[in-house]
Amino acid sequence: MKYAPLILSAATVLALSTMFVYAQSSADSDGIRFVYAQSIIRNAHGQLISYLETFRIGLNDPEKLNNVASYEVNFGKKEFVETEIDGIPHQWIKVDRPSTFDAKTVRSTTILGDVVNGKSVAFASFANDGYNIDAGDVLTVRWTIARPVP
């Protein structure tokens, strides 16, 4: 049996990779209450290759993450529900970001971000133990964001 070395690479496709992270806290000044990320990798035939989820998310820019959530609610796929947390109405917003790969690579960091003034800017990110991706694989990162109803 072969064991592949664990490579903690920061190689990340910044095509708005969607990852769902669980970081529950009281709502901050930007309104983010909860963030959770899931990574789902399927091969070119649609078979599940890997599934990861995380509870450890770094919120690099909560205001911009809130802007992403607002866009999804108002103009995006509108995949959200409203519930109550501690008697306060909250939106649970799902943001999916698929990426298809054309070369073999290793992935250990997932970022939700954008390109601003020609530079990659991370709004939220999480690291994991890493996983191999082959050409033709599709990675879908699903971010779930909970915030008080604006």
Protein backbone atom coordinates (compact mmCIF):
# COMPACT_ATOMS: atom_id res chain seq x y z
CA MET A 1 0.00 0.00 0.00
CA LYS A 2 1.40 3.38 -0.96
CA TYR A 3 1.12 6.39 1.30
CA ALA A 4 1.15 9.75 -0.36
CA PRO A 5 3.00 12.42 1.58
CA LEU A 6 0.80 15.06 3.10
CA ILE A 7 1.47 18.25 1.23
CA LEU A 8 0.17 21.37 2.88
CA SER A 9 0.00 23.51 -0.18
CA ALA A 10 -1.50 26.95 -0.32
CA ALA A 11 -2.42 26.33 -3.94
CA THR A 12 -5.91 27.65 -4.30
CA VAL A 13 -8.15 28.31 -7.22
CA LEU A 14 -9.68 31.69 -6.42
CA ALA A 15 -12.64 31.22 -8.75
CA LEU A 16 -14.81 32.07 -5.77
CA SER A 17 -14.34 28.63 -4.27
CA THR A 18 -17.27 27.90 -2.05
CA MET A 19 -16.58 26.48 1.29
CA PHE A 20 -18.91 26.27 4.25
CA VAL A 21 -17.41 26.87 7.68
CA TYR A 22 -19.01 26.62 11.07
CA ALA A 23 -17.92 29.51 13.26
CA GLN A 24 -20.79 30.39 15.56
CA SER A 25 -20.59 33.50 17.67
CA SER A 26 -22.72 36.43 18.59
CA ALA A 27 -23.39 38.58 15.54
CA ASP A 28 -20.51 40.94 14.83
CA SER A 29 -20.87 44.51 13.62
CA ASP A 30 -21.12 43.20 10.04
CA GLY A 31 -23.98 40.87 10.95
CA ILE A 32 -22.28 37.51 10.34
CA ARG A 33 -23.42 35.01 12.99
CA PHE A 34 -22.38 31.63 11.58
CA VAL A 35 -20.21 30.39 8.72
CA TYR A 36 -19.72 26.77 7.68
CA ALA A 37 -17.91 25.24 4.69
CA GLN A 38 -18.18 21.94 2.82
CA SER A 39 -15.97 20.68 -0.03
CA ILE A 40 -17.42 18.07 -2.37
CA ILE A 41 -15.18 16.54 -5.04
CA ARG A 42 -16.66 14.45 -7.86
CA ASN A 43 -14.81 12.86 -10.75
CA ALA A 44 -15.71 13.44 -14.41
CA HIS A 45 -18.34 10.66 -14.13
CA GLY A 46 -20.07 12.33 -11.18
CA GLN A 47 -18.86 9.83 -8.58
CA LEU A 48 -18.10 11.19 -5.12
CA ILE A 49 -14.34 11.25 -4.52
CA SER A 50 -14.06 13.25 -1.32
CA TYR A 51 -16.18 15.19 1.15
CA LEU A 52 -14.76 17.57 3.73
CA GLU A 53 -16.36 20.02 6.10
CA THR A 54 -14.87 22.42 8.55
CA PHE A 55 -15.69 24.32 11.67
CA ARG A 56 -12.51 26.41 11.54
CA ILE A 57 -12.87 29.41 9.27
CA GLY A 58 -10.82 32.53 9.10
CA LEU A 59 -12.96 35.60 8.43
CA ASN A 60 -10.49 37.86 6.65
CA ASP A 61 -13.09 40.47 5.69
CA PRO A 62 -16.52 40.00 7.34
CA GLU A 63 -17.95 43.08 5.59
CA LYS A 64 -17.15 41.71 2.12
CA LEU A 65 -18.43 38.26 3.13
CA ASN A 66 -21.68 39.97 4.15
CA ASN A 67 -21.72 41.66 0.71
CA VAL A 68 -21.44 38.22 -0.94
CA ALA A 69 -24.37 37.03 1.20
CA SER A 70 -26.42 40.11 0.24
CA TYR A 71 -25.69 39.53 -3.44
CA GLU A 72 -26.82 35.90 -3.23
CA VAL A 73 -30.07 36.89 -1.47
CA ASN A 74 -30.90 39.74 -3.85
CA PHE A 75 -29.42 38.76 -7.22
CA GLY A 76 -27.90 35.27 -7.00
CA LYS A 77 -29.57 31.88 -6.83
CA LYS A 78 -31.63 33.05 -3.84
CA GLU A 79 -30.92 29.84 -1.91
CA PHE A 80 -31.72 30.87 1.63
CA VAL A 81 -34.21 30.29 4.42
CA GLU A 82 -35.20 32.41 7.39
CA THR A 83 -35.34 31.04 10.94
CA GLU A 84 -34.93 32.46 14.44
CA ILE A 85 -31.87 32.33 16.68
CA ASP A 86 -32.47 33.58 20.23
CA GLY A 87 -35.75 35.11 19.04
CA ILE A 88 -34.05 37.14 16.29
CA PRO A 89 -34.88 36.41 12.60
CA HIS A 90 -31.83 35.15 10.66
CA GLN A 91 -31.14 34.28 7.04
CA TRP A 92 -29.25 31.06 6.27
CA ILE A 93 -27.66 31.68 2.88
CA LYS A 94 -26.11 28.93 0.74
CA VAL A 95 -23.34 29.93 -1.66
CA ASP A 96 -22.02 27.23 -4.04
CA ARG A 97 -18.85 27.79 -6.05
CA PRO A 98 -17.87 24.94 -8.41
CA SER A 99 -14.43 24.63 -10.02
CA THR A 100 -13.37 22.15 -12.70
CA PHE A 101 -9.70 21.20 -12.92
CA ASP A 102 -7.74 20.44 -16.08
CA ALA A 103 -4.59 19.19 -14.36
CA LYS A 104 -3.64 17.08 -11.36
CA THR A 105 -3.08 19.15 -8.23
CA VAL A 106 -3.24 19.13 -4.44
CA ARG A 107 -5.63 21.38 -2.57
CA SER A 108 -5.40 22.25 1.13
CA THR A 109 -6.76 25.78 1.42
CA THR A 110 -10.15 26.97 0.28
CA ILE A 111 -10.95 30.63 -0.17
CA LEU A 112 -14.11 32.61 -0.78
CA GLY A 113 -12.96 35.84 -2.35
CA ASP A 114 -12.65 37.87 -5.49
CA VAL A 115 -10.16 39.72 -7.65
CA VAL A 116 -10.05 43.40 -6.67
CA ASN A 117 -7.87 45.83 -8.64
CA GLY A 118 -6.04 42.88 -10.22
CA LYS A 119 -5.20 41.22 -6.89
CA SER A 120 -6.75 38.16 -5.25
CA VAL A 121 -8.54 39.15 -2.05
CA ALA A 122 -9.80 36.55 0.45
CA PHE A 123 -12.99 37.29 2.38
CA ALA A 124 -13.04 33.95 4.26
CA SER A 125 -10.81 30.88 4.16
CA PHE A 126 -10.17 27.55 5.77
CA ALA A 127 -7.34 25.05 5.71
CA ASN A 128 -7.68 21.28 5.71
CA ASP A 129 -5.44 18.23 5.58
CA GLY A 130 -5.31 18.36 1.79
CA TYR A 131 -6.64 16.15 -0.96
CA ASN A 132 -5.61 15.15 -4.46
CA ILE A 133 -7.49 16.41 -7.49
CA ASP A 134 -7.20 14.84 -10.94
CA ALA A 135 -7.92 16.43 -14.31
CA GLY A 136 -11.69 16.49 -14.91
CA ASP A 137 -12.61 16.51 -11.21
CA VAL A 138 -15.17 19.05 -10.05
CA LEU A 139 -14.79 20.68 -6.65
CA THR A 140 -17.89 22.35 -5.28
CA VAL A 141 -17.37 24.37 -2.15
CA ARG A 142 -20.59 25.19 -0.34
CA TRP A 143 -20.48 28.08 2.08
CA THR A 144 -23.36 28.60 4.49
CA ILE A 145 -23.66 32.00 6.07
CA ALA A 146 -26.13 32.92 8.81
CA ARG A 147 -26.82 36.53 9.64
CA PRO A 148 -29.61 38.58 11.19
CA VAL A 149 -32.22 39.64 8.65
CA PRO A 150 -31.07 43.07 7.45
